[in-house]
Amino acid sequence: MPTRTARTAWTGTLEQGSGQVELTSSKVGTYDVSFPKRAADDAGGTTSPEELIAAAHSSCFAMQFSALLGEAGGTPENVEVRADVSLGPDPAGGFRLTGIKLTVTGEVSGVDAETFARTAQAAKETCPVSKALTGVEITLDASMD
């Protein structure tokens, strides 16, 4: 399996500085980052590590869930996964990820709601990004359309 790469160029202090994160492997884009916007309710056109983790987690979960649904005899017609990643103070100092909420809905033929929910839980536990984030509480809300 390949290694994927991203690169960030940063200028200035944490509070006054800013940077750009480049998705180097895919070359799909370069995105602005700044701490003040990271900590604000309105991101103002910039991304953040938390948003990038949310993107990684939602896409990884969707792939794993789709694979496990197939193994369970289901056919995913459409699945939507949302990952909400929260940042907050760390009691040890600084900041930490304080939680991730995964929400999955979908239209799947060949499985019932119980199998859908059980398979979503298995995907949460086995997707590589979930495994990498074991130090963060991850919750799941799964429902069939």
N, C-alpha and C. Protein backbone atom coordinates (compact mmCIF):
# COMPACT_ATOMS: atom_id res chain seq x y z
N MET A 1 0.85 -1.18 0.00
CA MET A 1 0.00 0.00 0.00
C MET A 1 0.89 1.25 0.00
N PRO A 2 0.46 2.28 -0.69
CA PRO A 2 1.28 3.50 -0.80
C PRO A 2 1.24 4.34 0.48
N THR A 3 2.21 5.23 0.59
CA THR A 3 2.23 6.25 1.62
C THR A 3 1.68 7.53 1.00
N ARG A 4 0.82 8.22 1.71
CA ARG A 4 0.26 9.48 1.23
C ARG A 4 0.92 10.63 1.99
N THR A 5 1.02 11.78 1.34
CA THR A 5 1.76 12.90 1.91
C THR A 5 0.97 14.19 1.83
N ALA A 6 1.06 14.96 2.89
CA ALA A 6 0.57 16.34 2.91
C ALA A 6 1.72 17.19 3.48
N ARG A 7 1.72 18.46 3.14
CA ARG A 7 2.78 19.35 3.58
C ARG A 7 2.15 20.67 4.00
N THR A 8 2.67 21.25 5.09
CA THR A 8 2.20 22.55 5.53
C THR A 8 3.36 23.52 5.62
N ALA A 9 3.18 24.69 5.04
CA ALA A 9 4.13 25.81 5.16
C ALA A 9 3.49 26.83 6.09
N TRP A 10 4.20 27.22 7.15
CA TRP A 10 3.66 28.12 8.17
C TRP A 10 4.57 29.33 8.31
N THR A 11 3.98 30.50 8.51
CA THR A 11 4.72 31.73 8.74
C THR A 11 4.15 32.41 9.97
N GLY A 12 5.02 32.80 10.90
CA GLY A 12 4.59 33.59 12.05
C GLY A 12 4.30 32.77 13.28
N THR A 13 3.81 33.48 14.30
CA THR A 13 3.49 32.85 15.58
C THR A 13 2.16 32.11 15.48
N LEU A 14 1.83 31.40 16.52
CA LEU A 14 0.55 30.68 16.54
C LEU A 14 -0.62 31.65 16.41
N GLU A 15 -0.62 32.69 17.21
CA GLU A 15 -1.76 33.62 17.24
C GLU A 15 -1.82 34.54 16.02
N GLN A 16 -0.69 34.93 15.48
CA GLN A 16 -0.66 35.89 14.37
C GLN A 16 -0.34 35.24 13.03
N GLY A 17 0.17 34.04 13.05
CA GLY A 17 0.63 33.40 11.83
C GLY A 17 -0.48 32.70 11.06
N SER A 18 -0.06 32.16 9.93
CA SER A 18 -0.97 31.38 9.11
C SER A 18 -0.15 30.46 8.23
N GLY A 19 -0.84 29.57 7.58
CA GLY A 19 -0.13 28.64 6.72
C GLY A 19 -1.01 28.12 5.61
N GLN A 20 -0.42 27.23 4.86
CA GLN A 20 -1.14 26.54 3.80
C GLN A 20 -0.78 25.07 3.87
N VAL A 21 -1.82 24.24 3.86
CA VAL A 21 -1.62 22.79 3.83
C VAL A 21 -1.86 22.34 2.39
N GLU A 22 -0.93 21.57 1.90
CA GLU A 22 -0.98 21.06 0.53
C GLU A 22 -1.22 19.56 0.56
N LEU A 23 -2.20 19.12 -0.18
CA LEU A 23 -2.43 17.68 -0.33
C LEU A 23 -1.50 17.21 -1.45
N THR A 24 -0.31 16.85 -1.05
CA THR A 24 0.81 16.63 -1.96
C THR A 24 0.62 15.40 -2.84
N SER A 25 0.20 14.29 -2.27
CA SER A 25 0.08 13.05 -3.03
C SER A 25 -0.93 13.16 -4.16
N SER A 26 -2.09 13.68 -3.84
CA SER A 26 -3.18 13.76 -4.83
C SER A 26 -3.10 15.00 -5.69
N LYS A 27 -2.43 16.01 -5.20
CA LYS A 27 -2.34 17.30 -5.89
C LYS A 27 -3.72 17.94 -6.13
N VAL A 28 -4.69 17.64 -5.25
CA VAL A 28 -6.03 18.19 -5.45
C VAL A 28 -6.19 19.60 -4.90
N GLY A 29 -5.24 20.06 -4.10
CA GLY A 29 -5.40 21.42 -3.63
C GLY A 29 -4.47 21.82 -2.51
N THR A 30 -4.44 23.12 -2.30
CA THR A 30 -3.72 23.74 -1.20
C THR A 30 -4.73 24.61 -0.46
N TYR A 31 -4.73 24.50 0.87
CA TYR A 31 -5.78 25.14 1.67
C TYR A 31 -5.18 25.96 2.79
N ASP A 32 -5.75 27.13 3.04
CA ASP A 32 -5.29 28.02 4.10
C ASP A 32 -5.66 27.47 5.46
N VAL A 33 -4.75 27.70 6.44
CA VAL A 33 -4.98 27.34 7.84
C VAL A 33 -4.51 28.49 8.72
N SER A 34 -5.20 28.70 9.84
CA SER A 34 -4.75 29.67 10.83
C SER A 34 -5.36 29.28 12.17
N PHE A 35 -4.62 29.56 13.25
CA PHE A 35 -5.15 29.19 14.56
C PHE A 35 -6.36 30.02 14.95
N PRO A 36 -6.37 31.35 14.75
CA PRO A 36 -7.57 32.10 15.13
C PRO A 36 -8.84 31.58 14.44
N LYS A 37 -8.74 31.22 13.17
CA LYS A 37 -9.92 30.69 12.47
C LYS A 37 -10.21 29.26 12.90
N ARG A 38 -9.16 28.52 13.27
CA ARG A 38 -9.34 27.15 13.78
C ARG A 38 -10.18 27.19 15.06
N ALA A 39 -9.96 28.20 15.88
CA ALA A 39 -10.64 28.30 17.17
C ALA A 39 -11.96 29.08 17.10
N ALA A 40 -12.29 29.64 15.93
CA ALA A 40 -13.51 30.45 15.79
C ALA A 40 -14.69 29.59 15.32
N ASP A 41 -15.89 30.05 15.60
CA ASP A 41 -17.08 29.35 15.11
C ASP A 41 -17.17 29.38 13.59
N ASP A 42 -16.78 30.49 12.98
CA ASP A 42 -16.81 30.61 11.52
C ASP A 42 -15.39 30.44 11.00
N ALA A 43 -15.19 29.41 10.21
CA ALA A 43 -13.84 29.11 9.69
C ALA A 43 -13.38 30.11 8.65
N GLY A 44 -14.26 30.90 8.10
CA GLY A 44 -13.89 31.96 7.19
C GLY A 44 -13.06 31.52 6.00
N GLY A 45 -13.38 30.39 5.42
CA GLY A 45 -12.69 29.95 4.22
C GLY A 45 -11.38 29.22 4.45
N THR A 46 -11.07 28.93 5.70
CA THR A 46 -9.86 28.16 6.00
C THR A 46 -10.24 26.79 6.53
N THR A 47 -9.33 25.86 6.40
CA THR A 47 -9.56 24.53 6.96
C THR A 47 -8.80 24.42 8.28
N SER A 48 -8.83 23.26 8.89
CA SER A 48 -8.14 23.03 10.16
C SER A 48 -7.77 21.56 10.25
N PRO A 49 -6.86 21.24 11.15
CA PRO A 49 -6.55 19.82 11.35
C PRO A 49 -7.80 19.00 11.69
N GLU A 50 -8.71 19.59 12.46
CA GLU A 50 -9.91 18.86 12.83
C GLU A 50 -10.80 18.57 11.63
N GLU A 51 -10.92 19.54 10.73
CA GLU A 51 -11.72 19.31 9.52
C GLU A 51 -11.07 18.26 8.63
N LEU A 52 -9.75 18.30 8.53
CA LEU A 52 -9.04 17.30 7.73
C LEU A 52 -9.17 15.91 8.34
N ILE A 53 -9.13 15.82 9.68
CA ILE A 53 -9.36 14.54 10.34
C ILE A 53 -10.79 14.07 10.10
N ALA A 54 -11.75 15.00 10.16
CA ALA A 54 -13.15 14.64 9.88
C ALA A 54 -13.30 14.09 8.47
N ALA A 55 -12.63 14.72 7.51
CA ALA A 55 -12.69 14.23 6.13
C ALA A 55 -12.08 12.84 6.03
N ALA A 56 -10.94 12.65 6.65
CA ALA A 56 -10.29 11.34 6.62
C ALA A 56 -11.16 10.28 7.28
N HIS A 57 -11.74 10.63 8.43
CA HIS A 57 -12.53 9.65 9.17
C HIS A 57 -13.83 9.30 8.44
N SER A 58 -14.53 10.30 7.93
CA SER A 58 -15.79 10.01 7.25
C SER A 58 -15.58 9.17 5.99
N SER A 59 -14.53 9.46 5.24
CA SER A 59 -14.28 8.69 4.02
C SER A 59 -13.79 7.28 4.33
N CYS A 60 -12.94 7.13 5.32
CA CYS A 60 -12.46 5.80 5.71
C CYS A 60 -13.62 4.94 6.22
N PHE A 61 -14.44 5.55 7.09
CA PHE A 61 -15.60 4.83 7.63
C PHE A 61 -16.53 4.40 6.51
N ALA A 62 -16.81 5.28 5.55
CA ALA A 62 -17.71 4.95 4.45
C ALA A 62 -17.20 3.75 3.66
N MET A 63 -15.90 3.71 3.41
CA MET A 63 -15.32 2.59 2.67
C MET A 63 -15.43 1.29 3.48
N GLN A 64 -15.07 1.35 4.75
CA GLN A 64 -15.12 0.15 5.60
C GLN A 64 -16.56 -0.33 5.77
N PHE A 65 -17.47 0.59 5.99
CA PHE A 65 -18.89 0.26 6.15
C PHE A 65 -19.43 -0.42 4.89
N SER A 66 -19.09 0.13 3.74
CA SER A 66 -19.53 -0.45 2.48
C SER A 66 -19.02 -1.87 2.32
N ALA A 67 -17.76 -2.09 2.65
CA ALA A 67 -17.17 -3.43 2.55
C ALA A 67 -17.89 -4.41 3.49
N LEU A 68 -18.12 -3.98 4.73
CA LEU A 68 -18.76 -4.86 5.71
C LEU A 68 -20.23 -5.11 5.38
N LEU A 69 -20.91 -4.11 4.82
CA LEU A 69 -22.29 -4.33 4.39
C LEU A 69 -22.35 -5.40 3.31
N GLY A 70 -21.42 -5.35 2.37
CA GLY A 70 -21.35 -6.37 1.32
C GLY A 70 -21.14 -7.75 1.90
N GLU A 71 -20.24 -7.85 2.90
CA GLU A 71 -20.01 -9.14 3.56
C GLU A 71 -21.25 -9.64 4.29
N ALA A 72 -22.09 -8.70 4.76
CA ALA A 72 -23.32 -9.05 5.49
C ALA A 72 -24.48 -9.34 4.54
N GLY A 73 -24.24 -9.26 3.23
CA GLY A 73 -25.29 -9.54 2.26
C GLY A 73 -26.06 -8.33 1.79
N GLY A 74 -25.61 -7.15 2.17
CA GLY A 74 -26.30 -5.93 1.78
C GLY A 74 -25.69 -5.30 0.54
N THR A 75 -26.50 -4.47 -0.11
CA THR A 75 -26.04 -3.69 -1.25
C THR A 75 -26.30 -2.22 -0.93
N PRO A 76 -25.23 -1.47 -0.67
CA PRO A 76 -25.42 -0.04 -0.38
C PRO A 76 -25.88 0.71 -1.63
N GLU A 77 -27.07 1.29 -1.58
CA GLU A 77 -27.56 2.13 -2.67
C GLU A 77 -26.95 3.51 -2.54
N ASN A 78 -26.99 4.04 -1.32
CA ASN A 78 -26.28 5.28 -1.00
C ASN A 78 -26.08 5.34 0.51
N VAL A 79 -24.93 5.85 0.89
CA VAL A 79 -24.57 5.99 2.29
C VAL A 79 -23.98 7.38 2.48
N GLU A 80 -24.40 8.07 3.52
CA GLU A 80 -23.82 9.37 3.85
C GLU A 80 -23.24 9.30 5.24
N VAL A 81 -21.99 9.71 5.36
CA VAL A 81 -21.29 9.68 6.64
C VAL A 81 -20.83 11.09 6.98
N ARG A 82 -21.12 11.50 8.18
CA ARG A 82 -20.67 12.80 8.68
C ARG A 82 -19.78 12.54 9.90
N ALA A 83 -18.66 13.23 9.97
CA ALA A 83 -17.79 13.15 11.14
C ALA A 83 -17.65 14.55 11.72
N ASP A 84 -18.02 14.72 12.97
CA ASP A 84 -17.87 15.99 13.68
C ASP A 84 -16.73 15.82 14.68
N VAL A 85 -15.64 16.54 14.47
CA VAL A 85 -14.45 16.43 15.31
C VAL A 85 -14.35 17.69 16.16
N SER A 86 -14.29 17.51 17.48
CA SER A 86 -14.26 18.63 18.42
C SER A 86 -12.87 18.82 19.01
N LEU A 87 -12.48 20.08 19.14
CA LEU A 87 -11.22 20.49 19.76
C LEU A 87 -11.55 21.20 21.05
N GLY A 88 -10.78 20.94 22.09
CA GLY A 88 -11.00 21.62 23.36
C GLY A 88 -9.75 21.62 24.19
N PRO A 89 -9.83 22.24 25.37
CA PRO A 89 -8.66 22.30 26.23
C PRO A 89 -8.27 20.91 26.74
N ASP A 90 -6.98 20.72 26.90
CA ASP A 90 -6.45 19.48 27.47
C ASP A 90 -6.12 19.77 28.93
N PRO A 91 -6.65 18.99 29.88
CA PRO A 91 -6.33 19.23 31.29
C PRO A 91 -4.82 19.22 31.57
N ALA A 92 -4.06 18.55 30.73
CA ALA A 92 -2.60 18.51 30.90
C ALA A 92 -1.93 19.74 30.29
N GLY A 93 -2.72 20.60 29.66
CA GLY A 93 -2.18 21.80 29.02
C GLY A 93 -2.38 21.76 27.52
N GLY A 94 -2.57 22.90 26.93
CA GLY A 94 -2.77 22.98 25.49
C GLY A 94 -4.16 22.54 25.08
N PHE A 95 -4.23 21.88 23.93
CA PHE A 95 -5.51 21.45 23.37
C PHE A 95 -5.45 19.97 23.03
N ARG A 96 -6.63 19.40 22.84
CA ARG A 96 -6.74 18.01 22.42
C ARG A 96 -8.05 17.82 21.68
N LEU A 97 -8.13 16.72 20.93
CA LEU A 97 -9.42 16.35 20.34
C LEU A 97 -10.27 15.82 21.48
N THR A 98 -11.46 16.39 21.64
CA THR A 98 -12.31 16.02 22.77
C THR A 98 -13.40 15.02 22.40
N GLY A 99 -13.58 14.78 21.10
CA GLY A 99 -14.56 13.79 20.70
C GLY A 99 -14.79 13.81 19.20
N ILE A 100 -15.26 12.68 18.72
CA ILE A 100 -15.65 12.55 17.32
C ILE A 100 -17.01 11.88 17.29
N LYS A 101 -17.93 12.51 16.59
CA LYS A 101 -19.27 11.93 16.43
C LYS A 101 -19.43 11.53 14.97
N LEU A 102 -19.61 10.24 14.74
CA LEU A 102 -19.90 9.73 13.40
C LEU A 102 -21.41 9.57 13.27
N THR A 103 -21.96 10.07 12.17
CA THR A 103 -23.37 9.89 11.87
C THR A 103 -23.46 9.27 10.49
N VAL A 104 -24.12 8.13 10.41
CA VAL A 104 -24.27 7.45 9.12
C VAL A 104 -25.74 7.17 8.86
N THR A 105 -26.17 7.52 7.67
CA THR A 105 -27.50 7.19 7.19
C THR A 105 -27.32 6.55 5.82
N GLY A 106 -28.29 5.76 5.45
CA GLY A 106 -28.15 5.15 4.15
C GLY A 106 -29.34 4.33 3.73
N GLU A 107 -29.33 4.07 2.46
CA GLU A 107 -30.32 3.21 1.84
C GLU A 107 -29.56 1.96 1.40
N VAL A 108 -29.89 0.84 2.03
CA VAL A 108 -29.17 -0.41 1.78
C VAL A 108 -30.19 -1.52 1.59
N SER A 109 -30.10 -2.23 0.49
CA SER A 109 -30.99 -3.37 0.28
C SER A 109 -30.30 -4.63 0.79
N GLY A 110 -31.11 -5.58 1.23
CA GLY A 110 -30.60 -6.87 1.65
C GLY A 110 -30.25 -7.00 3.12
N VAL A 111 -30.38 -5.92 3.91
CA VAL A 111 -30.15 -6.00 5.35
C VAL A 111 -31.25 -5.24 6.07
N ASP A 112 -31.50 -5.63 7.32
CA ASP A 112 -32.48 -4.93 8.13
C ASP A 112 -31.77 -3.85 8.96
N ALA A 113 -32.56 -3.07 9.69
CA ALA A 113 -32.03 -1.95 10.47
C ALA A 113 -31.04 -2.43 11.53
N GLU A 114 -31.31 -3.58 12.13
CA GLU A 114 -30.41 -4.12 13.16
C GLU A 114 -29.04 -4.47 12.56
N THR A 115 -29.05 -5.11 11.40
CA THR A 115 -27.80 -5.45 10.72
C THR A 115 -27.06 -4.19 10.30
N PHE A 116 -27.80 -3.20 9.83
CA PHE A 116 -27.21 -1.92 9.45
C PHE A 116 -26.47 -1.32 10.64
N ALA A 117 -27.12 -1.25 11.79
CA ALA A 117 -26.53 -0.66 12.99
C ALA A 117 -25.33 -1.48 13.47
N ARG A 118 -25.47 -2.80 13.49
CA ARG A 118 -24.38 -3.68 13.94
C ARG A 118 -23.17 -3.54 13.02
N THR A 119 -23.42 -3.45 11.71
CA THR A 119 -22.34 -3.32 10.74
C THR A 119 -21.68 -1.95 10.86
N ALA A 120 -22.45 -0.92 11.13
CA ALA A 120 -21.89 0.42 11.34
C ALA A 120 -20.96 0.42 12.56
N GLN A 121 -21.37 -0.25 13.62
CA GLN A 121 -20.53 -0.34 14.82
C GLN A 121 -19.22 -1.07 14.50
N ALA A 122 -19.31 -2.16 13.74
CA ALA A 122 -18.11 -2.89 13.35
C ALA A 122 -17.19 -2.03 12.49
N ALA A 123 -17.76 -1.23 11.59
CA ALA A 123 -16.97 -0.33 10.75
C ALA A 123 -16.28 0.72 11.61
N LYS A 124 -16.98 1.23 12.60
CA LYS A 124 -16.39 2.23 13.51
C LYS A 124 -15.17 1.65 14.20
N GLU A 125 -15.26 0.40 14.61
CA GLU A 125 -14.17 -0.24 15.35
C GLU A 125 -13.01 -0.68 14.47
N THR A 126 -13.27 -0.89 13.17
CA THR A 126 -12.24 -1.50 12.33
C THR A 126 -11.69 -0.61 11.22
N CYS A 127 -12.26 0.56 10.98
CA CYS A 127 -11.66 1.40 9.93
C CYS A 127 -10.31 1.90 10.43
N PRO A 128 -9.31 1.96 9.55
CA PRO A 128 -7.96 2.35 9.98
C PRO A 128 -7.89 3.71 10.67
N VAL A 129 -8.70 4.67 10.27
CA VAL A 129 -8.65 5.98 10.92
C VAL A 129 -9.21 5.88 12.34
N SER A 130 -10.28 5.11 12.55
CA SER A 130 -10.78 4.90 13.91
C SER A 130 -9.70 4.26 14.78
N LYS A 131 -9.00 3.30 14.23
CA LYS A 131 -7.92 2.64 14.98
C LYS A 131 -6.83 3.63 15.35
N ALA A 132 -6.52 4.55 14.45
CA ALA A 132 -5.48 5.55 14.72
C ALA A 132 -5.91 6.55 15.78
N LEU A 133 -7.21 6.73 15.95
CA LEU A 133 -7.74 7.73 16.86
C LEU A 133 -8.28 7.14 18.15
N THR A 134 -7.71 6.04 18.60
CA THR A 134 -8.23 5.35 19.79
C THR A 134 -8.14 6.18 21.07
N GLY A 135 -7.34 7.23 21.08
CA GLY A 135 -7.25 8.09 22.25
C GLY A 135 -8.38 9.10 22.34
N VAL A 136 -9.29 9.09 21.38
CA VAL A 136 -10.40 10.04 21.33
C VAL A 136 -11.71 9.26 21.44
N GLU A 137 -12.65 9.76 22.24
CA GLU A 137 -13.96 9.10 22.31
C GLU A 137 -14.68 9.29 20.98
N ILE A 138 -15.08 8.15 20.38
CA ILE A 138 -15.80 8.18 19.11
C ILE A 138 -17.20 7.62 19.35
N THR A 139 -18.21 8.42 19.04
CA THR A 139 -19.59 7.96 19.16
C THR A 139 -20.15 7.75 17.77
N LEU A 140 -21.24 7.00 17.73
CA LEU A 140 -21.85 6.62 16.44
C LEU A 140 -23.36 6.71 16.53
N ASP A 141 -23.95 7.30 15.50
CA ASP A 141 -25.39 7.32 15.31
C ASP A 141 -25.65 6.77 13.92
N ALA A 142 -26.30 5.61 13.83
CA ALA A 142 -26.53 4.96 12.55
C ALA A 142 -28.02 4.72 12.35
N SER A 143 -28.52 5.07 11.14
CA SER A 143 -29.93 4.83 10.85
C SER A 143 -30.12 4.63 9.36
N MET A 144 -31.01 3.70 9.03
CA MET A 144 -31.37 3.46 7.63
C MET A 144 -32.43 4.46 7.19
N ASP A 145 -32.34 4.87 5.93
CA ASP A 145 -33.35 5.76 5.37
C ASP A 145 -34.61 4.99 5.07
